[in-house]
Amino acid sequence: MITRDTLTREERQIYDEIHRYPIFLSTSDFAKLTGYSRATAYRLIEEGQLSTKHITLTKGSKPTKRIIRESLLELMLKWNKE
């Protein structure tokens, strides 16, 4: 798990922005946060670059795939270093 106090100033900005979102993000949240499309989110999920969890939002509904916020943080910090 990434802790804020171990990050550079720029990385802390990324950390803070991502932590404004819920622990499990929709692909729409991903798009708003990164500026990339929902299709890119699905591609990153398929490539294994983003971790997901199936969750049920309301009783009786089908489980939906959500991006784990920590995996998005790890990916964005990696992109920031490249």
C-alpha atoms as a PDB file:
ATOM      1  CA  MET A   1       0.000   0.000   0.000  1.00  0.00           C
ATOM      2  CA  ILE A   2       1.257   3.445  -0.941  1.00  0.00           C
ATOM      3  CA  THR A   3       1.461   5.999   1.861  1.00  0.00           C
ATOM      4  CA  ARG A   4       1.319   9.718   1.196  1.00  0.00           C
ATOM      5  CA  ASP A   5       4.342  10.603   3.340  1.00  0.00           C
ATOM      6  CA  THR A   6       6.706   8.573   1.121  1.00  0.00           C
ATOM      7  CA  LEU A   7       5.791  10.488  -2.045  1.00  0.00           C
ATOM      8  CA  THR A   8       7.282  13.512  -3.765  1.00  0.00           C
ATOM      9  CA  ARG A   9       5.272  16.720  -3.958  1.00  0.00           C
ATOM     10  CA  GLU A  10       4.051  15.946  -7.482  1.00  0.00           C
ATOM     11  CA  GLU A  11       3.152  12.379  -6.511  1.00  0.00           C
ATOM     12  CA  ARG A  12       1.226  13.668  -3.471  1.00  0.00           C
ATOM     13  CA  GLN A  13      -0.906  15.774  -5.826  1.00  0.00           C
ATOM     14  CA  ILE A  14      -1.772  12.639  -7.801  1.00  0.00           C
ATOM     15  CA  TYR A  15      -2.446  10.758  -4.556  1.00  0.00           C
ATOM     16  CA  ASP A  16      -4.727  13.509  -3.234  1.00  0.00           C
ATOM     17  CA  GLU A  17      -6.708  13.758  -6.465  1.00  0.00           C
ATOM     18  CA  ILE A  18      -7.284  10.002  -6.670  1.00  0.00           C
ATOM     19  CA  HIS A  19      -8.287   9.784  -3.018  1.00  0.00           C
ATOM     20  CA  ARG A  20     -11.200  12.157  -3.658  1.00  0.00           C
ATOM     21  CA  TYR A  21     -12.858   9.202  -5.386  1.00  0.00           C
ATOM     22  CA  PRO A  22     -14.387   6.076  -3.809  1.00  0.00           C
ATOM     23  CA  ILE A  23     -12.313   2.954  -3.158  1.00  0.00           C
ATOM     24  CA  PHE A  24     -13.938   1.298  -6.200  1.00  0.00           C
ATOM     25  CA  LEU A  25     -14.179   3.459  -9.319  1.00  0.00           C
ATOM     26  CA  SER A  26     -16.338   3.128 -12.395  1.00  0.00           C
ATOM     27  CA  THR A  27     -14.836   3.444 -15.848  1.00  0.00           C
ATOM     28  CA  SER A  28     -16.555   6.854 -16.007  1.00  0.00           C
ATOM     29  CA  ASP A  29     -14.671   7.893 -12.861  1.00  0.00           C
ATOM     30  CA  PHE A  30     -11.481   6.690 -14.528  1.00  0.00           C
ATOM     31  CA  ALA A  31     -12.227   8.824 -17.590  1.00  0.00           C
ATOM     32  CA  LYS A  32     -12.927  11.953 -15.504  1.00  0.00           C
ATOM     33  CA  LEU A  33      -9.836  11.480 -13.423  1.00  0.00           C
ATOM     34  CA  THR A  34      -7.345  10.655 -16.167  1.00  0.00           C
ATOM     35  CA  GLY A  35      -8.757  12.327 -19.259  1.00  0.00           C
ATOM     36  CA  TYR A  36      -8.623   8.991 -21.083  1.00  0.00           C
ATOM     37  CA  SER A  37     -11.680   7.217 -22.454  1.00  0.00           C
ATOM     38  CA  ARG A  38     -13.717   4.459 -20.850  1.00  0.00           C
ATOM     39  CA  ALA A  39     -12.464   2.213 -23.667  1.00  0.00           C
ATOM     40  CA  THR A  40      -8.914   2.833 -22.464  1.00  0.00           C
ATOM     41  CA  ALA A  41      -9.982   1.756 -18.973  1.00  0.00           C
ATOM     42  CA  TYR A  42     -11.348  -1.505 -20.366  1.00  0.00           C
ATOM     43  CA  ARG A  43      -8.144  -2.063 -22.355  1.00  0.00           C
ATOM     44  CA  LEU A  44      -5.974  -1.469 -19.264  1.00  0.00           C
ATOM     45  CA  ILE A  45      -8.161  -3.881 -17.311  1.00  0.00           C
ATOM     46  CA  GLU A  46      -7.829  -6.536 -20.030  1.00  0.00           C
ATOM     47  CA  GLU A  47      -4.041  -6.005 -20.133  1.00  0.00           C
ATOM     48  CA  GLY A  48      -3.871  -6.495 -16.367  1.00  0.00           C
ATOM     49  CA  GLN A  49      -2.615  -2.969 -15.704  1.00  0.00           C
ATOM     50  CA  LEU A  50      -5.664  -2.128 -13.589  1.00  0.00           C
ATOM     51  CA  SER A  51      -7.098  -4.405 -10.911  1.00  0.00           C
ATOM     52  CA  THR A  52     -10.850  -4.738 -10.558  1.00  0.00           C
ATOM     53  CA  LYS A  53     -13.411  -6.191  -8.215  1.00  0.00           C
ATOM     54  CA  HIS A  54     -16.940  -7.306  -8.942  1.00  0.00           C
ATOM     55  CA  ILE A  55     -19.346  -5.609  -6.546  1.00  0.00           C
ATOM     56  CA  THR A  56     -23.115  -5.546  -6.218  1.00  0.00           C
ATOM     57  CA  LEU A  57     -24.366  -1.971  -5.936  1.00  0.00           C
ATOM     58  CA  THR A  58     -27.950  -2.730  -4.935  1.00  0.00           C
ATOM     59  CA  LYS A  59     -29.681  -5.843  -3.683  1.00  0.00           C
ATOM     60  CA  GLY A  60     -30.822  -7.999  -6.565  1.00  0.00           C
ATOM     61  CA  SER A  61     -28.696  -6.252  -9.196  1.00  0.00           C
ATOM     62  CA  LYS A  62     -25.979  -7.889 -11.259  1.00  0.00           C
ATOM     63  CA  PRO A  63     -22.428  -7.469  -9.982  1.00  0.00           C
ATOM     64  CA  THR A  64     -20.527  -4.729 -11.754  1.00  0.00           C
ATOM     65  CA  LYS A  65     -16.796  -4.492 -12.404  1.00  0.00           C
ATOM     66  CA  ARG A  66     -15.094  -1.601 -10.571  1.00  0.00           C
ATOM     67  CA  ILE A  67     -11.490  -0.409 -10.703  1.00  0.00           C
ATOM     68  CA  ILE A  68      -9.657  -0.652  -7.403  1.00  0.00           C
ATOM     69  CA  ARG A  69      -8.506   2.878  -6.562  1.00  0.00           C
ATOM     70  CA  GLU A  70      -5.102   1.731  -5.271  1.00  0.00           C
ATOM     71  CA  SER A  71      -4.307   0.011  -8.589  1.00  0.00           C
ATOM     72  CA  LEU A  72      -5.125   3.225 -10.463  1.00  0.00           C
ATOM     73  CA  LEU A  73      -2.853   5.166  -8.109  1.00  0.00           C
ATOM     74  CA  GLU A  74      -0.008   2.714  -8.738  1.00  0.00           C
ATOM     75  CA  LEU A  75      -0.501   2.984 -12.504  1.00  0.00           C
ATOM     76  CA  MET A  76      -0.636   6.791 -12.481  1.00  0.00           C
ATOM     77  CA  LEU A  77       2.499   7.033 -10.348  1.00  0.00           C
ATOM     78  CA  LYS A  78       4.214   4.666 -12.791  1.00  0.00           C
ATOM     79  CA  TRP A  79       3.095   6.834 -15.737  1.00  0.00           C
ATOM     80  CA  ASN A  80       4.348   9.915 -13.912  1.00  0.00           C
ATOM     81  CA  LYS A  81       7.854   8.418 -13.692  1.00  0.00           C
ATOM     82  CA  GLU A  82       8.003   7.497 -17.390  1.00  0.00           C
END
